[in-house]
Amino acid sequence: MQVPRISASSYSNTAPLIWSFIYGSERARFELILDNAPARSAQMLAEKRVSVALVPIIEYQRIEDVLLVPRVCVGARKRVRSVCLVTKGVDLEDVKSVALDVSSKTSVALTKIIFREFYALEPTYSEAKPNLIEMLSDSDCALLIGDPALTVDAQIYRKFDLAETWKKFTNFGFVFAMWMANAENSDVAEQIDFAAARDEGLKHLDEIIANYETEISLTRGDFKTYLSENIAYSIDDSMQNGLSLFFDLAHKHKLIERLKPLRFV
């Protein structure tokens, strides 16, 4: 019998959600595929190469026949720190060109909504690999997500937190990613208690931080604050309202072709 396959990105902010599958109670029950970019997990789910994946939330509206896993997410209630727009000093209202990190889809859509809906701007966009120096050599603003965004030097660059900006204009939290399952084999998702797996991972933050110690130049205390306070792994009412508004605005600005209702495993 083939072991079911699930996928997630290898960014540190997903680590509490996948710890159980690598080291904990869900270990060896599933084949976990870790890819550096969240967009790759969405692609694998869309191509039905995996049964369940941790996917940028905008892709729920784009991938056919998927269901959401309830209650568990990668999101932020106020400030996320690892999804940001970066400039060499200019304000967002003065931005004319943006280099977009190709690693995600939700953050790209959120960036366009922020400029169109909140600043009434339409800068030019280009796609780029997450290299800040190269991104800002051709554009006056760069979208960075994940671990590369955590260590942007505030003495050199100006950093605008996307969750914080969203909160400022909407007063809602934001959901960046959720587990999703192919509807035709959602029984795999039904076998997993994702909330329990999340809770298990959150009990092992010290081990998680140790795993990333050589990769991310944050102090242990700052890293723990990021994972325990900046990132939200449970959806509250504010984040749920923010998700609904995000989908409405994405549809309004033609970033998604249709607006389908939320369907859960």
C-alpha atoms as a PDB file:
ATOM      1  CA  MET A   1       0.000   0.000   0.000  1.00  0.00           C
ATOM      2  CA  GLN A   2       1.382   3.375  -1.050  1.00  0.00           C
ATOM      3  CA  VAL A   3       2.121   5.847   1.746  1.00  0.00           C
ATOM      4  CA  PRO A   4       0.040   9.042   1.299  1.00  0.00           C
ATOM      5  CA  ARG A   5       2.053  12.104   0.267  1.00  0.00           C
ATOM      6  CA  ILE A   6       1.740  15.562   1.802  1.00  0.00           C
ATOM      7  CA  SER A   7       3.685  18.721   1.024  1.00  0.00           C
ATOM      8  CA  ALA A   8       4.751  21.945   2.746  1.00  0.00           C
ATOM      9  CA  SER A   9       7.403  24.626   2.365  1.00  0.00           C
ATOM     10  CA  SER A  10      10.596  24.463   4.373  1.00  0.00           C
ATOM     11  CA  TYR A  11      10.342  28.014   5.722  1.00  0.00           C
ATOM     12  CA  SER A  12      10.749  28.225   9.475  1.00  0.00           C
ATOM     13  CA  ASN A  13       7.211  29.551   9.969  1.00  0.00           C
ATOM     14  CA  THR A  14       5.769  26.231   8.797  1.00  0.00           C
ATOM     15  CA  ALA A  15       7.983  24.190  11.147  1.00  0.00           C
ATOM     16  CA  PRO A  16       5.501  23.945  14.065  1.00  0.00           C
ATOM     17  CA  LEU A  17       2.871  22.575  11.669  1.00  0.00           C
ATOM     18  CA  ILE A  18       5.124  19.861  10.228  1.00  0.00           C
ATOM     19  CA  TRP A  19       7.232  18.936  13.295  1.00  0.00           C
ATOM     20  CA  SER A  20       4.894  16.079  14.161  1.00  0.00           C
ATOM     21  CA  PHE A  21       5.290  14.569  10.671  1.00  0.00           C
ATOM     22  CA  ILE A  22       9.099  14.598  10.885  1.00  0.00           C
ATOM     23  CA  TYR A  23       9.842  13.910  14.548  1.00  0.00           C
ATOM     24  CA  GLY A  24       6.566  13.386  16.409  1.00  0.00           C
ATOM     25  CA  SER A  25       3.465  11.234  16.583  1.00  0.00           C
ATOM     26  CA  GLU A  26       2.688  11.410  12.835  1.00  0.00           C
ATOM     27  CA  ARG A  27       6.208  10.338  11.832  1.00  0.00           C
ATOM     28  CA  ALA A  28       6.417   7.669   9.093  1.00  0.00           C
ATOM     29  CA  ARG A  29       2.640   7.607   8.556  1.00  0.00           C
ATOM     30  CA  PHE A  30       2.973   9.896   5.551  1.00  0.00           C
ATOM     31  CA  GLU A  31       5.590  10.881   2.992  1.00  0.00           C
ATOM     32  CA  LEU A  32       6.328  14.557   3.638  1.00  0.00           C
ATOM     33  CA  ILE A  33       7.728  16.514   0.709  1.00  0.00           C
ATOM     34  CA  LEU A  34       9.437  19.742   1.735  1.00  0.00           C
ATOM     35  CA  ASP A  35      10.024  22.361  -0.926  1.00  0.00           C
ATOM     36  CA  ASN A  36      11.520  25.768  -0.263  1.00  0.00           C
ATOM     37  CA  ALA A  37       8.654  27.658  -1.923  1.00  0.00           C
ATOM     38  CA  PRO A  38       4.978  27.601  -0.887  1.00  0.00           C
ATOM     39  CA  ALA A  39       4.030  28.053  -4.543  1.00  0.00           C
ATOM     40  CA  ARG A  40       5.559  24.642  -5.302  1.00  0.00           C
ATOM     41  CA  SER A  41       3.267  22.961  -2.778  1.00  0.00           C
ATOM     42  CA  ALA A  42       0.308  24.568  -4.532  1.00  0.00           C
ATOM     43  CA  GLN A  43       1.554  23.260  -7.866  1.00  0.00           C
ATOM     44  CA  MET A  44       1.953  19.722  -6.531  1.00  0.00           C
ATOM     45  CA  LEU A  45      -1.564  19.792  -5.066  1.00  0.00           C
ATOM     46  CA  ALA A  46      -3.029  21.146  -8.315  1.00  0.00           C
ATOM     47  CA  GLU A  47      -1.258  18.390 -10.274  1.00  0.00           C
ATOM     48  CA  LYS A  48      -2.525  15.813  -7.720  1.00  0.00           C
ATOM     49  CA  ARG A  49       1.013  14.691  -6.957  1.00  0.00           C
ATOM     50  CA  VAL A  50       0.159  14.996  -3.249  1.00  0.00           C
ATOM     51  CA  SER A  51      -3.064  14.409  -1.326  1.00  0.00           C
ATOM     52  CA  VAL A  52      -2.673  17.289   1.144  1.00  0.00           C
ATOM     53  CA  ALA A  53      -0.493  20.397   1.049  1.00  0.00           C
ATOM     54  CA  LEU A  54       0.148  23.558   3.021  1.00  0.00           C
ATOM     55  CA  VAL A  55      -0.779  26.058   0.328  1.00  0.00           C
ATOM     56  CA  PRO A  56      -0.874  29.869  -0.138  1.00  0.00           C
ATOM     57  CA  ILE A  57      -4.475  30.755   0.665  1.00  0.00           C
ATOM     58  CA  ILE A  58      -5.180  32.548  -2.640  1.00  0.00           C
ATOM     59  CA  GLU A  59      -4.716  29.198  -4.408  1.00  0.00           C
ATOM     60  CA  TYR A  60      -7.900  27.866  -2.806  1.00  0.00           C
ATOM     61  CA  GLN A  61      -9.745  30.039  -5.302  1.00  0.00           C
ATOM     62  CA  ARG A  62      -7.634  28.831  -8.239  1.00  0.00           C
ATOM     63  CA  ILE A  63      -7.159  25.086  -7.766  1.00  0.00           C
ATOM     64  CA  GLU A  64     -10.084  22.895  -8.798  1.00  0.00           C
ATOM     65  CA  ASP A  65     -11.801  20.596  -6.291  1.00  0.00           C
ATOM     66  CA  VAL A  66      -9.868  21.268  -3.102  1.00  0.00           C
ATOM     67  CA  LEU A  67     -11.077  21.415   0.486  1.00  0.00           C
ATOM     68  CA  LEU A  68      -9.685  23.450   3.378  1.00  0.00           C
ATOM     69  CA  VAL A  69      -8.534  21.901   6.619  1.00  0.00           C
ATOM     70  CA  PRO A  70     -10.270  23.972   9.346  1.00  0.00           C
ATOM     71  CA  ARG A  71      -8.761  25.871  12.286  1.00  0.00           C
ATOM     72  CA  VAL A  72      -5.068  25.565  11.306  1.00  0.00           C
ATOM     73  CA  CYS A  73      -3.135  28.178   9.338  1.00  0.00           C
ATOM     74  CA  VAL A  74      -0.019  30.254   8.896  1.00  0.00           C
ATOM     75  CA  GLY A  75      -1.193  33.783   9.565  1.00  0.00           C
ATOM     76  CA  ALA A  76      -0.781  36.896  11.667  1.00  0.00           C
ATOM     77  CA  ARG A  77      -3.048  38.857  13.960  1.00  0.00           C
ATOM     78  CA  LYS A  78      -0.983  42.056  13.774  1.00  0.00           C
ATOM     79  CA  ARG A  79       2.600  41.893  12.522  1.00  0.00           C
ATOM     80  CA  VAL A  80       4.074  38.951  10.609  1.00  0.00           C
ATOM     81  CA  ARG A  81       7.708  40.093  10.046  1.00  0.00           C
ATOM     82  CA  SER A  82       8.398  37.562   7.304  1.00  0.00           C
ATOM     83  CA  VAL A  83       6.209  39.008   4.528  1.00  0.00           C
ATOM     84  CA  CYS A  84       7.258  42.507   3.622  1.00  0.00           C
ATOM     85  CA  LEU A  85       7.771  45.164   1.011  1.00  0.00           C
ATOM     86  CA  VAL A  86      11.280  46.611   1.054  1.00  0.00           C
ATOM     87  CA  THR A  87      12.528  49.896  -0.401  1.00  0.00           C
ATOM     88  CA  LYS A  88      15.743  51.862  -0.248  1.00  0.00           C
ATOM     89  CA  GLY A  89      13.866  54.553   1.652  1.00  0.00           C
ATOM     90  CA  VAL A  90      10.840  55.634  -0.364  1.00  0.00           C
ATOM     91  CA  ASP A  91       7.300  55.492   1.028  1.00  0.00           C
ATOM     92  CA  LEU A  92       4.848  53.011  -0.470  1.00  0.00           C
ATOM     93  CA  GLU A  93       2.800  55.849  -1.961  1.00  0.00           C
ATOM     94  CA  ASP A  94       5.862  56.814  -4.047  1.00  0.00           C
ATOM     95  CA  VAL A  95       6.586  53.317  -5.392  1.00  0.00           C
ATOM     96  CA  LYS A  96       6.535  52.996  -9.181  1.00  0.00           C
ATOM     97  CA  SER A  97       7.972  49.507  -9.709  1.00  0.00           C
ATOM     98  CA  VAL A  98       7.875  46.308  -7.658  1.00  0.00           C
ATOM     99  CA  ALA A  99       9.933  43.125  -7.936  1.00  0.00           C
ATOM    100  CA  LEU A 100       7.778  40.227  -6.744  1.00  0.00           C
ATOM    101  CA  ASP A 101       9.232  37.207  -4.967  1.00  0.00           C
ATOM    102  CA  VAL A 102       8.178  34.207  -7.072  1.00  0.00           C
ATOM    103  CA  SER A 103       8.026  31.963  -3.985  1.00  0.00           C
ATOM    104  CA  SER A 104       4.418  32.746  -3.056  1.00  0.00           C
ATOM    105  CA  LYS A 105       1.078  33.639  -4.591  1.00  0.00           C
ATOM    106  CA  THR A 106      -0.907  35.020  -1.654  1.00  0.00           C
ATOM    107  CA  SER A 107       1.649  37.726  -0.899  1.00  0.00           C
ATOM    108  CA  VAL A 108       1.744  38.776  -4.556  1.00  0.00           C
ATOM    109  CA  ALA A 109      -2.043  39.165  -4.565  1.00  0.00           C
ATOM    110  CA  LEU A 110      -1.938  41.014  -1.233  1.00  0.00           C
ATOM    111  CA  THR A 111       0.731  43.384  -2.560  1.00  0.00           C
ATOM    112  CA  LYS A 112      -1.407  44.287  -5.575  1.00  0.00           C
ATOM    113  CA  ILE A 113      -4.489  44.763  -3.374  1.00  0.00           C
ATOM    114  CA  ILE A 114      -2.560  47.057  -1.012  1.00  0.00           C
ATOM    115  CA  PHE A 115      -1.365  49.272  -3.856  1.00  0.00           C
ATOM    116  CA  ARG A 116      -4.680  49.304  -5.755  1.00  0.00           C
ATOM    117  CA  GLU A 117      -7.204  49.383  -2.925  1.00  0.00           C
ATOM    118  CA  PHE A 118      -5.353  51.317  -0.211  1.00  0.00           C
ATOM    119  CA  TYR A 119      -3.006  53.594  -2.171  1.00  0.00           C
ATOM    120  CA  ALA A 120      -4.849  53.867  -5.537  1.00  0.00           C
ATOM    121  CA  LEU A 121      -1.601  53.028  -7.350  1.00  0.00           C
ATOM    122  CA  GLU A 122      -0.648  50.658 -10.145  1.00  0.00           C
ATOM    123  CA  PRO A 123       3.129  50.242 -10.168  1.00  0.00           C
ATOM    124  CA  THR A 124       4.795  48.050 -12.764  1.00  0.00           C
ATOM    125  CA  TYR A 125       5.515  44.494 -11.614  1.00  0.00           C
ATOM    126  CA  SER A 126       8.231  41.993 -12.435  1.00  0.00           C
ATOM    127  CA  GLU A 127       8.956  38.530 -11.042  1.00  0.00           C
ATOM    128  CA  ALA A 128      12.277  37.821  -9.365  1.00  0.00           C
ATOM    129  CA  LYS A 129      14.110  35.284  -7.267  1.00  0.00           C
ATOM    130  CA  PRO A 130      14.374  36.365  -3.594  1.00  0.00           C
ATOM    131  CA  ASN A 131      17.662  38.258  -3.828  1.00  0.00           C
ATOM    132  CA  LEU A 132      17.102  41.722  -2.367  1.00  0.00           C
ATOM    133  CA  ILE A 133      20.129  43.419  -3.918  1.00  0.00           C
ATOM    134  CA  GLU A 134      19.236  42.197  -7.390  1.00  0.00           C
ATOM    135  CA  MET A 135      15.533  42.957  -6.918  1.00  0.00           C
ATOM    136  CA  LEU A 136      16.207  46.561  -5.932  1.00  0.00           C
ATOM    137  CA  SER A 137      18.732  47.087  -8.707  1.00  0.00           C
ATOM    138  CA  ASP A 138      15.872  47.072 -11.233  1.00  0.00           C
ATOM    139  CA  SER A 139      12.871  48.104  -9.070  1.00  0.00           C
ATOM    140  CA  ASP A 140      12.313  50.642  -6.305  1.00  0.00           C
ATOM    141  CA  CYS A 141      10.397  48.119  -4.149  1.00  0.00           C
ATOM    142  CA  ALA A 142      10.751  44.389  -3.515  1.00  0.00           C
ATOM    143  CA  LEU A 143       8.333  41.831  -2.086  1.00  0.00           C
ATOM    144  CA  LEU A 144      10.123  39.294   0.108  1.00  0.00           C
ATOM    145  CA  ILE A 145       8.543  36.375   1.951  1.00  0.00           C
ATOM    146  CA  GLY A 146       9.671  33.733   4.393  1.00  0.00           C
ATOM    147  CA  ASP A 147      13.074  33.472   6.030  1.00  0.00           C
ATOM    148  CA  PRO A 148      14.848  35.916   3.635  1.00  0.00           C
ATOM    149  CA  ALA A 149      12.474  38.647   4.834  1.00  0.00           C
ATOM    150  CA  LEU A 150      13.282  38.095   8.500  1.00  0.00           C
ATOM    151  CA  THR A 151      16.833  39.406   8.351  1.00  0.00           C
ATOM    152  CA  VAL A 152      16.483  42.501   6.135  1.00  0.00           C
ATOM    153  CA  ASP A 153      18.881  45.130   7.487  1.00  0.00           C
ATOM    154  CA  ALA A 154      16.737  47.999   8.800  1.00  0.00           C
ATOM    155  CA  GLN A 155      19.764  50.300   8.766  1.00  0.00           C
ATOM    156  CA  ILE A 156      20.033  49.961   4.996  1.00  0.00           C
ATOM    157  CA  TYR A 157      16.458  49.327   3.874  1.00  0.00           C
ATOM    158  CA  ARG A 158      12.951  50.414   4.766  1.00  0.00           C
ATOM    159  CA  LYS A 159      10.680  47.481   5.517  1.00  0.00           C
ATOM    160  CA  PHE A 160       6.859  47.530   5.346  1.00  0.00           C
ATOM    161  CA  ASP A 161       5.196  44.556   7.053  1.00  0.00           C
ATOM    162  CA  LEU A 162       2.282  43.354   4.886  1.00  0.00           C
ATOM    163  CA  ALA A 163       0.180  41.994   7.749  1.00  0.00           C
ATOM    164  CA  GLU A 164       0.697  45.241   9.655  1.00  0.00           C
ATOM    165  CA  THR A 165      -0.279  47.275   6.586  1.00  0.00           C
ATOM    166  CA  TRP A 166      -3.379  45.105   6.065  1.00  0.00           C
ATOM    167  CA  LYS A 167      -4.314  45.533   9.732  1.00  0.00           C
ATOM    168  CA  LYS A 168      -3.863  49.311   9.504  1.00  0.00           C
ATOM    169  CA  PHE A 169      -6.374  49.639   6.670  1.00  0.00           C
ATOM    170  CA  THR A 170      -8.858  46.858   7.542  1.00  0.00           C
ATOM    171  CA  ASN A 171      -8.438  46.230  11.289  1.00  0.00           C
ATOM    172  CA  PHE A 172      -8.386  42.492  10.522  1.00  0.00           C
ATOM    173  CA  GLY A 173      -5.788  39.767  10.887  1.00  0.00           C
ATOM    174  CA  PHE A 174      -4.538  37.891   7.840  1.00  0.00           C
ATOM    175  CA  VAL A 175      -4.313  34.244   6.757  1.00  0.00           C
ATOM    176  CA  PHE A 176      -1.365  33.493   4.465  1.00  0.00           C
ATOM    177  CA  ALA A 177      -1.620  29.709   4.079  1.00  0.00           C
ATOM    178  CA  MET A 178      -3.739  26.713   5.061  1.00  0.00           C
ATOM    179  CA  TRP A 179      -3.662  22.966   4.650  1.00  0.00           C
ATOM    180  CA  MET A 180      -5.737  21.893   1.639  1.00  0.00           C
ATOM    181  CA  ALA A 181      -6.762  18.475   0.367  1.00  0.00           C
ATOM    182  CA  ASN A 182      -7.850  17.116  -2.988  1.00  0.00           C
ATOM    183  CA  ALA A 183     -11.579  16.530  -2.685  1.00  0.00           C
ATOM    184  CA  GLU A 184     -11.428  13.161  -4.440  1.00  0.00           C
ATOM    185  CA  ASN A 185      -9.106  11.678  -1.802  1.00  0.00           C
ATOM    186  CA  SER A 186      -9.899  13.836   1.202  1.00  0.00           C
ATOM    187  CA  ASP A 187      -9.893  10.671   3.319  1.00  0.00           C
ATOM    188  CA  VAL A 188      -6.129  11.217   3.745  1.00  0.00           C
ATOM    189  CA  ALA A 189      -6.782  14.584   5.392  1.00  0.00           C
ATOM    190  CA  GLU A 190      -9.495  13.025   7.523  1.00  0.00           C
ATOM    191  CA  GLN A 191      -6.918  10.606   8.948  1.00  0.00           C
ATOM    192  CA  ILE A 192      -4.836  13.478  10.343  1.00  0.00           C
ATOM    193  CA  ASP A 193      -5.602  15.684  13.329  1.00  0.00           C
ATOM    194  CA  PHE A 194      -3.829  18.787  12.003  1.00  0.00           C
ATOM    195  CA  ALA A 195      -4.727  20.822  15.080  1.00  0.00           C
ATOM    196  CA  ALA A 196      -3.135  18.220  17.352  1.00  0.00           C
ATOM    197  CA  ALA A 197      -0.072  18.106  15.091  1.00  0.00           C
ATOM    198  CA  ARG A 198       0.183  21.898  15.343  1.00  0.00           C
ATOM    199  CA  ASP A 199      -0.098  21.805  19.119  1.00  0.00           C
ATOM    200  CA  GLU A 200       2.582  19.125  19.293  1.00  0.00           C
ATOM    201  CA  GLY A 201       4.918  21.241  17.189  1.00  0.00           C
ATOM    202  CA  LEU A 202       4.361  24.343  19.295  1.00  0.00           C
ATOM    203  CA  LYS A 203       5.549  22.402  22.335  1.00  0.00           C
ATOM    204  CA  HIS A 204       8.919  21.886  20.628  1.00  0.00           C
ATOM    205  CA  LEU A 205       9.867  25.427  19.607  1.00  0.00           C
ATOM    206  CA  ASP A 206      13.307  25.146  21.210  1.00  0.00           C
ATOM    207  CA  GLU A 207      14.161  22.131  19.046  1.00  0.00           C
ATOM    208  CA  ILE A 208      12.775  23.881  15.958  1.00  0.00           C
ATOM    209  CA  ILE A 209      14.855  26.985  16.633  1.00  0.00           C
ATOM    210  CA  ALA A 210      17.967  24.835  17.067  1.00  0.00           C
ATOM    211  CA  ASN A 211      17.333  23.288  13.644  1.00  0.00           C
ATOM    212  CA  TYR A 212      17.406  26.732  11.976  1.00  0.00           C
ATOM    213  CA  GLU A 213      20.191  28.232  14.084  1.00  0.00           C
ATOM    214  CA  THR A 214      22.812  28.146  11.321  1.00  0.00           C
ATOM    215  CA  GLU A 215      20.402  29.400   8.659  1.00  0.00           C
ATOM    216  CA  ILE A 216      18.682  32.394  10.271  1.00  0.00           C
ATOM    217  CA  SER A 217      20.686  35.061  12.073  1.00  0.00           C
ATOM    218  CA  LEU A 218      18.199  35.892  14.814  1.00  0.00           C
ATOM    219  CA  THR A 219      18.794  35.517  18.533  1.00  0.00           C
ATOM    220  CA  ARG A 220      17.036  32.528  20.079  1.00  0.00           C
ATOM    221  CA  GLY A 221      14.740  34.855  22.008  1.00  0.00           C
ATOM    222  CA  ASP A 222      13.819  36.880  18.923  1.00  0.00           C
ATOM    223  CA  PHE A 223      13.262  33.733  16.881  1.00  0.00           C
ATOM    224  CA  LYS A 224      10.989  32.326  19.590  1.00  0.00           C
ATOM    225  CA  THR A 225       8.991  35.563  19.661  1.00  0.00           C
ATOM    226  CA  TYR A 226       8.567  35.313  15.898  1.00  0.00           C
ATOM    227  CA  LEU A 227       7.243  31.748  16.020  1.00  0.00           C
ATOM    228  CA  SER A 228       5.133  32.125  19.161  1.00  0.00           C
ATOM    229  CA  GLU A 229       3.797  35.689  18.841  1.00  0.00           C
ATOM    230  CA  ASN A 230       4.163  37.055  15.299  1.00  0.00           C
ATOM    231  CA  ILE A 231       2.972  33.933  13.486  1.00  0.00           C
ATOM    232  CA  ALA A 232      -0.549  32.753  14.321  1.00  0.00           C
ATOM    233  CA  TYR A 233      -1.295  29.080  13.741  1.00  0.00           C
ATOM    234  CA  SER A 234      -4.976  29.206  14.718  1.00  0.00           C
ATOM    235  CA  ILE A 235      -7.687  31.224  12.979  1.00  0.00           C
ATOM    236  CA  ASP A 236      -9.613  33.668  15.164  1.00  0.00           C
ATOM    237  CA  ASP A 237     -12.644  35.763  14.149  1.00  0.00           C
ATOM    238  CA  SER A 238     -10.520  38.702  13.020  1.00  0.00           C
ATOM    239  CA  MET A 239      -8.453  36.476  10.738  1.00  0.00           C
ATOM    240  CA  GLN A 240     -11.586  34.772   9.397  1.00  0.00           C
ATOM    241  CA  ASN A 241     -13.082  38.163   8.551  1.00  0.00           C
ATOM    242  CA  GLY A 242      -9.786  39.191   6.997  1.00  0.00           C
ATOM    243  CA  LEU A 243      -9.794  36.061   4.838  1.00  0.00           C
ATOM    244  CA  SER A 244     -13.291  36.802   3.539  1.00  0.00           C
ATOM    245  CA  LEU A 245     -12.354  40.413   2.753  1.00  0.00           C
ATOM    246  CA  PHE A 246      -9.123  39.328   1.050  1.00  0.00           C
ATOM    247  CA  PHE A 247     -11.015  36.989  -1.266  1.00  0.00           C
ATOM    248  CA  ASP A 248     -13.606  39.704  -2.017  1.00  0.00           C
ATOM    249  CA  LEU A 249     -10.887  42.224  -2.896  1.00  0.00           C
ATOM    250  CA  ALA A 250      -8.932  39.675  -4.931  1.00  0.00           C
ATOM    251  CA  HIS A 251     -12.071  39.078  -6.982  1.00  0.00           C
ATOM    252  CA  LYS A 252     -12.808  42.802  -7.256  1.00  0.00           C
ATOM    253  CA  HIS A 253      -9.317  43.453  -8.626  1.00  0.00           C
ATOM    254  CA  LYS A 254      -9.474  40.447 -10.976  1.00  0.00           C
ATOM    255  CA  LEU A 255      -6.713  38.530  -9.221  1.00  0.00           C
ATOM    256  CA  ILE A 256      -8.994  35.496  -9.163  1.00  0.00           C
ATOM    257  CA  GLU A 257     -11.546  34.625 -11.843  1.00  0.00           C
ATOM    258  CA  ARG A 258     -14.324  33.532  -9.510  1.00  0.00           C
ATOM    259  CA  LEU A 259     -15.247  33.605  -5.858  1.00  0.00           C
ATOM    260  CA  LYS A 260     -16.121  30.175  -4.525  1.00  0.00           C
ATOM    261  CA  PRO A 261     -17.461  29.520  -1.021  1.00  0.00           C
ATOM    262  CA  LEU A 262     -15.277  27.970   1.648  1.00  0.00           C
ATOM    263  CA  ARG A 263     -15.572  24.163   1.783  1.00  0.00           C
ATOM    264  CA  PHE A 264     -13.864  22.192   4.510  1.00  0.00           C
ATOM    265  CA  VAL A 265     -12.647  18.636   5.015  1.00  0.00           C
END
